[in-house]
Amino acid sequence: MTVRSPCIGACRIAPDTGWCVGCARTLAEITAWGGAGDAWRATVVAALPDRLGRAASRNGSSVNQKTSLAIKSQ
């Protein structure tokens, strides 16, 4: 099984969290993604819903639905 990238093309690192506003990965995770194995990718993807929820509650905005659906489909 290949774990797909959760990137939705809304790439910008939030200075307060260090997470991408589109996919909630760190810059280090984004950089390592291409050479990483599926076990590592799955671990990163498993952490994203919590990060997105925390970011949404901090910002008072809803979680990006496109990102949420992409993560759930993996």
PDB file of N, CA and C in Angstrom:
ATOM      1  N   MET A   1       0.842  -1.176   0.000  1.00  0.00           N
ATOM      2  CA  MET A   1       0.000   0.000   0.000  1.00  0.00           C
ATOM      3  C   MET A   1       0.891   1.245   0.000  1.00  0.00           C
ATOM      4  N   THR A   2       0.578   2.171  -0.853  1.00  0.00           N
ATOM      5  CA  THR A   2       1.309   3.437  -0.899  1.00  0.00           C
ATOM      6  C   THR A   2       0.496   4.503  -0.187  1.00  0.00           C
ATOM      7  N   VAL A   3       1.118   5.164   0.760  1.00  0.00           N
ATOM      8  CA  VAL A   3       0.450   6.246   1.494  1.00  0.00           C
ATOM      9  C   VAL A   3       0.636   7.518   0.692  1.00  0.00           C
ATOM     10  N   ARG A   4      -0.471   8.077   0.235  1.00  0.00           N
ATOM     11  CA  ARG A   4      -0.433   9.286  -0.589  1.00  0.00           C
ATOM     12  C   ARG A   4      -0.182  10.520   0.258  1.00  0.00           C
ATOM     13  N   SER A   5       0.367  11.514  -0.389  1.00  0.00           N
ATOM     14  CA  SER A   5       0.621  12.790   0.273  1.00  0.00           C
ATOM     15  C   SER A   5      -0.704  13.483   0.597  1.00  0.00           C
ATOM     16  N   PRO A   6      -0.816  14.064   1.779  1.00  0.00           N
ATOM     17  CA  PRO A   6      -2.021  14.802   2.127  1.00  0.00           C
ATOM     18  C   PRO A   6      -2.019  16.238   1.596  1.00  0.00           C
ATOM     19  N   CYS A   7      -1.029  16.599   0.812  1.00  0.00           N
ATOM     20  CA  CYS A   7      -0.914  17.956   0.286  1.00  0.00           C
ATOM     21  C   CYS A   7      -2.134  18.322  -0.554  1.00  0.00           C
ATOM     22  N   ILE A   8      -2.673  19.513  -0.312  1.00  0.00           N
ATOM     23  CA  ILE A   8      -3.801  20.015  -1.102  1.00  0.00           C
ATOM     24  C   ILE A   8      -3.410  21.272  -1.873  1.00  0.00           C
ATOM     25  N   GLY A   9      -2.127  21.605  -1.850  1.00  0.00           N
ATOM     26  CA  GLY A   9      -1.653  22.760  -2.598  1.00  0.00           C
ATOM     27  C   GLY A   9      -1.869  24.097  -1.911  1.00  0.00           C
ATOM     28  N   ALA A  10      -2.192  24.078  -0.638  1.00  0.00           N
ATOM     29  CA  ALA A  10      -2.355  25.312   0.138  1.00  0.00           C
ATOM     30  C   ALA A  10      -1.149  25.457   1.047  1.00  0.00           C
ATOM     31  N   CYS A  11       0.008  25.460   0.454  1.00  0.00           N
ATOM     32  CA  CYS A  11       1.265  25.352   1.199  1.00  0.00           C
ATOM     33  C   CYS A  11       1.712  26.689   1.778  1.00  0.00           C
ATOM     34  N   ARG A  12       1.649  26.736   3.106  1.00  0.00           N
ATOM     35  CA  ARG A  12       2.152  27.886   3.859  1.00  0.00           C
ATOM     36  C   ARG A  12       2.345  27.409   5.280  1.00  0.00           C
ATOM     37  N   ILE A  13       3.509  27.650   5.841  1.00  0.00           N
ATOM     38  CA  ILE A  13       3.790  27.220   7.207  1.00  0.00           C
ATOM     39  C   ILE A  13       3.300  28.288   8.184  1.00  0.00           C
ATOM     40  N   ALA A  14       2.446  27.882   9.101  1.00  0.00           N
ATOM     41  CA  ALA A  14       1.939  28.805  10.125  1.00  0.00           C
ATOM     42  C   ALA A  14       3.033  29.031  11.158  1.00  0.00           C
ATOM     43  N   PRO A  15       3.382  30.282  11.410  1.00  0.00           N
ATOM     44  CA  PRO A  15       4.479  30.554  12.338  1.00  0.00           C
ATOM     45  C   PRO A  15       4.197  30.132  13.777  1.00  0.00           C
ATOM     46  N   ASP A  16       2.939  30.112  14.187  1.00  0.00           N
ATOM     47  CA  ASP A  16       2.631  29.762  15.578  1.00  0.00           C
ATOM     48  C   ASP A  16       2.694  28.265  15.852  1.00  0.00           C
ATOM     49  N   THR A  17       2.463  27.430  14.825  1.00  0.00           N
ATOM     50  CA  THR A  17       2.478  25.977  15.025  1.00  0.00           C
ATOM     51  C   THR A  17       3.644  25.285  14.328  1.00  0.00           C
ATOM     52  N   GLY A  18       4.130  25.879  13.236  1.00  0.00           N
ATOM     53  CA  GLY A  18       5.143  25.214  12.428  1.00  0.00           C
ATOM     54  C   GLY A  18       4.550  24.187  11.485  1.00  0.00           C
ATOM     55  N   TRP A  19       3.228  24.179  11.342  1.00  0.00           N
ATOM     56  CA  TRP A  19       2.525  23.229  10.478  1.00  0.00           C
ATOM     57  C   TRP A  19       2.033  23.942   9.219  1.00  0.00           C
ATOM     58  N   CYS A  20       1.975  23.200   8.134  1.00  0.00           N
ATOM     59  CA  CYS A  20       1.399  23.716   6.894  1.00  0.00           C
ATOM     60  C   CYS A  20      -0.090  23.974   7.131  1.00  0.00           C
ATOM     61  N   VAL A  21      -0.585  25.106   6.647  1.00  0.00           N
ATOM     62  CA  VAL A  21      -2.006  25.427   6.841  1.00  0.00           C
ATOM     63  C   VAL A  21      -2.911  24.536   6.001  1.00  0.00           C
ATOM     64  N   GLY A  22      -2.377  23.889   4.972  1.00  0.00           N
ATOM     65  CA  GLY A  22      -3.176  23.004   4.141  1.00  0.00           C
ATOM     66  C   GLY A  22      -3.228  21.576   4.631  1.00  0.00           C
ATOM     67  N   CYS A  23      -2.062  21.020   4.998  1.00  0.00           N
ATOM     68  CA  CYS A  23      -2.022  19.594   5.341  1.00  0.00           C
ATOM     69  C   CYS A  23      -1.583  19.314   6.771  1.00  0.00           C
ATOM     70  N   ALA A  24      -1.125  20.309   7.491  1.00  0.00           N
ATOM     71  CA  ALA A  24      -0.711  20.203   8.897  1.00  0.00           C
ATOM     72  C   ALA A  24       0.598  19.447   9.108  1.00  0.00           C
ATOM     73  N   ARG A  25       1.359  19.224   8.038  1.00  0.00           N
ATOM     74  CA  ARG A  25       2.673  18.616   8.225  1.00  0.00           C
ATOM     75  C   ARG A  25       3.692  19.701   8.533  1.00  0.00           C
ATOM     76  N   THR A  26       4.780  19.298   9.200  1.00  0.00           N
ATOM     77  CA  THR A  26       5.878  20.222   9.445  1.00  0.00           C
ATOM     78  C   THR A  26       6.717  20.333   8.179  1.00  0.00           C
ATOM     79  N   LEU A  27       7.546  21.342   8.121  1.00  0.00           N
ATOM     80  CA  LEU A  27       8.433  21.495   6.967  1.00  0.00           C
ATOM     81  C   LEU A  27       9.357  20.281   6.846  1.00  0.00           C
ATOM     82  N   ALA A  28       9.834  19.773   7.970  1.00  0.00           N
ATOM     83  CA  ALA A  28      10.698  18.583   7.948  1.00  0.00           C
ATOM     84  C   ALA A  28       9.950  17.374   7.391  1.00  0.00           C
ATOM     85  N   GLU A  29       8.687  17.218   7.755  1.00  0.00           N
ATOM     86  CA  GLU A  29       7.886  16.098   7.240  1.00  0.00           C
ATOM     87  C   GLU A  29       7.633  16.243   5.750  1.00  0.00           C
ATOM     88  N   ILE A  30       7.345  17.454   5.313  1.00  0.00           N
ATOM     89  CA  ILE A  30       7.120  17.703   3.887  1.00  0.00           C
ATOM     90  C   ILE A  30       8.375  17.386   3.091  1.00  0.00           C
ATOM     91  N   THR A  31       9.520  17.835   3.592  1.00  0.00           N
ATOM     92  CA  THR A  31      10.796  17.627   2.912  1.00  0.00           C
ATOM     93  C   THR A  31      11.153  16.142   2.839  1.00  0.00           C
ATOM     94  N   ALA A  32      10.899  15.405   3.898  1.00  0.00           N
ATOM     95  CA  ALA A  32      11.280  13.990   3.957  1.00  0.00           C
ATOM     96  C   ALA A  32      10.307  13.071   3.219  1.00  0.00           C
ATOM     97  N   TRP A  33       9.123  13.548   2.915  1.00  0.00           N
ATOM     98  CA  TRP A  33       8.046  12.712   2.384  1.00  0.00           C
ATOM     99  C   TRP A  33       8.469  11.883   1.172  1.00  0.00           C
ATOM    100  N   GLY A  34       9.103  12.488   0.202  1.00  0.00           N
ATOM    101  CA  GLY A  34       9.447  11.790  -1.042  1.00  0.00           C
ATOM    102  C   GLY A  34      10.339  10.581  -0.862  1.00  0.00           C
ATOM    103  N   GLY A  35      11.231  10.617   0.100  1.00  0.00           N
ATOM    104  CA  GLY A  35      12.141   9.501   0.317  1.00  0.00           C
ATOM    105  C   GLY A  35      11.745   8.581   1.451  1.00  0.00           C
ATOM    106  N   ALA A  36      10.606   8.846   2.062  1.00  0.00           N
ATOM    107  CA  ALA A  36      10.186   8.084   3.235  1.00  0.00           C
ATOM    108  C   ALA A  36       9.415   6.830   2.847  1.00  0.00           C
ATOM    109  N   GLY A  37       9.466   5.860   3.742  1.00  0.00           N
ATOM    110  CA  GLY A  37       8.703   4.632   3.554  1.00  0.00           C
ATOM    111  C   GLY A  37       7.268   4.795   4.013  1.00  0.00           C
ATOM    112  N   ASP A  38       6.445   3.829   3.647  1.00  0.00           N
ATOM    113  CA  ASP A  38       5.021   3.903   3.976  1.00  0.00           C
ATOM    114  C   ASP A  38       4.740   3.853   5.473  1.00  0.00           C
ATOM    115  N   ALA A  39       5.551   3.150   6.237  1.00  0.00           N
ATOM    116  CA  ALA A  39       5.318   3.095   7.689  1.00  0.00           C
ATOM    117  C   ALA A  39       5.467   4.485   8.309  1.00  0.00           C
ATOM    118  N   TRP A  40       6.512   5.195   7.910  1.00  0.00           N
ATOM    119  CA  TRP A  40       6.723   6.553   8.419  1.00  0.00           C
ATOM    120  C   TRP A  40       5.619   7.479   7.930  1.00  0.00           C
ATOM    121  N   ARG A  41       5.271   7.366   6.650  1.00  0.00           N
ATOM    122  CA  ARG A  41       4.201   8.204   6.099  1.00  0.00           C
ATOM    123  C   ARG A  41       2.890   7.973   6.835  1.00  0.00           C
ATOM    124  N   ALA A  42       2.573   6.711   7.122  1.00  0.00           N
ATOM    125  CA  ALA A  42       1.331   6.388   7.823  1.00  0.00           C
ATOM    126  C   ALA A  42       1.329   6.991   9.232  1.00  0.00           C
ATOM    127  N   THR A  43       2.475   6.999   9.880  1.00  0.00           N
ATOM    128  CA  THR A  43       2.583   7.602  11.208  1.00  0.00           C
ATOM    129  C   THR A  43       2.311   9.100  11.142  1.00  0.00           C
ATOM    130  N   VAL A  44       2.866   9.757  10.134  1.00  0.00           N
ATOM    131  CA  VAL A  44       2.643  11.197   9.963  1.00  0.00           C
ATOM    132  C   VAL A  44       1.167  11.461   9.669  1.00  0.00           C
ATOM    133  N   VAL A  45       0.585  10.719   8.746  1.00  0.00           N
ATOM    134  CA  VAL A  45      -0.819  10.921   8.378  1.00  0.00           C
ATOM    135  C   VAL A  45      -1.732  10.697   9.580  1.00  0.00           C
ATOM    136  N   ALA A  46      -1.398   9.732  10.431  1.00  0.00           N
ATOM    137  CA  ALA A  46      -2.221   9.462  11.607  1.00  0.00           C
ATOM    138  C   ALA A  46      -2.241  10.640  12.577  1.00  0.00           C
ATOM    139  N   ALA A  47      -1.191  11.445  12.587  1.00  0.00           N
ATOM    140  CA  ALA A  47      -1.117  12.604  13.489  1.00  0.00           C
ATOM    141  C   ALA A  47      -1.864  13.822  12.958  1.00  0.00           C
ATOM    142  N   LEU A  48      -2.189  13.845  11.681  1.00  0.00           N
ATOM    143  CA  LEU A  48      -2.740  15.053  11.062  1.00  0.00           C
ATOM    144  C   LEU A  48      -4.137  15.447  11.536  1.00  0.00           C
ATOM    145  N   PRO A  49      -5.078  14.527  11.711  1.00  0.00           N
ATOM    146  CA  PRO A  49      -6.407  14.968  12.165  1.00  0.00           C
ATOM    147  C   PRO A  49      -6.357  15.723  13.486  1.00  0.00           C
ATOM    148  N   ASP A  50      -5.536  15.256  14.418  1.00  0.00           N
ATOM    149  CA  ASP A  50      -5.405  15.947  15.699  1.00  0.00           C
ATOM    150  C   ASP A  50      -4.804  17.340  15.498  1.00  0.00           C
ATOM    151  N   ARG A  51      -3.785  17.422  14.686  1.00  0.00           N
ATOM    152  CA  ARG A  51      -3.159  18.728  14.421  1.00  0.00           C
ATOM    153  C   ARG A  51      -4.145  19.689  13.775  1.00  0.00           C
ATOM    154  N   LEU A  52      -4.877  19.198  12.781  1.00  0.00           N
ATOM    155  CA  LEU A  52      -5.844  20.056  12.091  1.00  0.00           C
ATOM    156  C   LEU A  52      -6.928  20.530  13.047  1.00  0.00           C
ATOM    157  N   GLY A  53      -7.374  19.644  13.935  1.00  0.00           N
ATOM    158  CA  GLY A  53      -8.380  20.019  14.923  1.00  0.00           C
ATOM    159  C   GLY A  53      -7.855  21.057  15.902  1.00  0.00           C
ATOM    160  N   ARG A  54      -6.628  20.865  16.343  1.00  0.00           N
ATOM    161  CA  ARG A  54      -6.029  21.826  17.268  1.00  0.00           C
ATOM    162  C   ARG A  54      -5.834  23.178  16.587  1.00  0.00           C
ATOM    163  N   ALA A  55      -5.409  23.161  15.338  1.00  0.00           N
ATOM    164  CA  ALA A  55      -5.204  24.418  14.611  1.00  0.00           C
ATOM    165  C   ALA A  55      -6.538  25.128  14.398  1.00  0.00           C
ATOM    166  N   ALA A  56      -7.580  24.366  14.079  1.00  0.00           N
ATOM    167  CA  ALA A  56      -8.891  24.970  13.843  1.00  0.00           C
ATOM    168  C   ALA A  56      -9.450  25.589  15.118  1.00  0.00           C
ATOM    169  N   SER A  57      -9.294  24.892  16.237  1.00  0.00           N
ATOM    170  CA  SER A  57      -9.822  25.446  17.480  1.00  0.00           C
ATOM    171  C   SER A  57      -9.024  26.664  17.931  1.00  0.00           C
ATOM    172  N   ARG A  58      -7.750  26.670  17.620  1.00  0.00           N
ATOM    173  CA  ARG A  58      -6.894  27.820  17.964  1.00  0.00           C
ATOM    174  C   ARG A  58      -7.261  29.027  17.112  1.00  0.00           C
ATOM    175  N   ASN A  59      -7.577  28.790  15.853  1.00  0.00           N
ATOM    176  CA  ASN A  59      -7.872  29.884  14.932  1.00  0.00           C
ATOM    177  C   ASN A  59      -9.351  30.239  14.884  1.00  0.00           C
ATOM    178  N   GLY A  60     -10.179  29.424  15.499  1.00  0.00           N
ATOM    179  CA  GLY A  60     -11.611  29.673  15.450  1.00  0.00           C
ATOM    180  C   GLY A  60     -12.211  29.389  14.086  1.00  0.00           C
ATOM    181  N   SER A  61     -11.481  28.679  13.244  1.00  0.00           N
ATOM    182  CA  SER A  61     -11.989  28.357  11.912  1.00  0.00           C
ATOM    183  C   SER A  61     -12.234  26.867  11.810  1.00  0.00           C
ATOM    184  N   SER A  62     -12.973  26.463  10.798  1.00  0.00           N
ATOM    185  CA  SER A  62     -13.244  25.044  10.622  1.00  0.00           C
ATOM    186  C   SER A  62     -12.045  24.366   9.966  1.00  0.00           C
ATOM    187  N   VAL A  63     -11.926  23.086  10.203  1.00  0.00           N
ATOM    188  CA  VAL A  63     -10.852  22.299   9.606  1.00  0.00           C
ATOM    189  C   VAL A  63     -11.071  22.261   8.100  1.00  0.00           C
ATOM    190  N   ASN A  64     -10.002  22.379   7.354  1.00  0.00           N
ATOM    191  CA  ASN A  64     -10.094  22.333   5.907  1.00  0.00           C
ATOM    192  C   ASN A  64     -10.731  21.008   5.485  1.00  0.00           C
ATOM    193  N   GLN A  65     -11.925  21.053   4.920  1.00  0.00           N
ATOM    194  CA  GLN A  65     -12.656  19.845   4.566  1.00  0.00           C
ATOM    195  C   GLN A  65     -11.929  19.007   3.513  1.00  0.00           C
ATOM    196  N   LYS A  66     -11.290  19.635   2.573  1.00  0.00           N
ATOM    197  CA  LYS A  66     -10.564  18.900   1.537  1.00  0.00           C
ATOM    198  C   LYS A  66      -9.436  18.090   2.164  1.00  0.00           C
ATOM    199  N   THR A  67      -8.714  18.658   3.090  1.00  0.00           N
ATOM    200  CA  THR A  67      -7.642  17.943   3.775  1.00  0.00           C
ATOM    201  C   THR A  67      -8.217  16.806   4.592  1.00  0.00           C
ATOM    202  N   SER A  68      -9.293  17.040   5.316  1.00  0.00           N
ATOM    203  CA  SER A  68      -9.905  16.010   6.151  1.00  0.00           C
ATOM    204  C   SER A  68     -10.333  14.825   5.323  1.00  0.00           C
ATOM    205  N   LEU A  69     -10.950  15.064   4.180  1.00  0.00           N
ATOM    206  CA  LEU A  69     -11.396  13.979   3.321  1.00  0.00           C
ATOM    207  C   LEU A  69     -10.208  13.211   2.742  1.00  0.00           C
ATOM    208  N   ALA A  70      -9.156  13.906   2.370  1.00  0.00           N
ATOM    209  CA  ALA A  70      -7.965  13.247   1.831  1.00  0.00           C
ATOM    210  C   ALA A  70      -7.334  12.341   2.871  1.00  0.00           C
ATOM    211  N   ILE A  71      -7.278  12.786   4.112  1.00  0.00           N
ATOM    212  CA  ILE A  71      -6.679  11.987   5.180  1.00  0.00           C
ATOM    213  C   ILE A  71      -7.547  10.769   5.472  1.00  0.00           C
ATOM    214  N   LYS A  72      -8.860  10.931   5.523  1.00  0.00           N
ATOM    215  CA  LYS A  72      -9.765   9.810   5.826  1.00  0.00           C
ATOM    216  C   LYS A  72      -9.734   8.746   4.741  1.00  0.00           C
ATOM    217  N   SER A  73      -9.466   9.123   3.498  1.00  0.00           N
ATOM    218  CA  SER A  73      -9.508   8.159   2.390  1.00  0.00           C
ATOM    219  C   SER A  73      -8.265   7.291   2.306  1.00  0.00           C
ATOM    220  N   GLN A  74      -7.257   7.567   3.146  1.00  0.00           N
ATOM    221  CA  GLN A  74      -6.017   6.791   3.070  1.00  0.00           C
ATOM    222  C   GLN A  74      -6.055   5.555   3.903  1.00  0.00           C
TER     223      GLN A  74
END
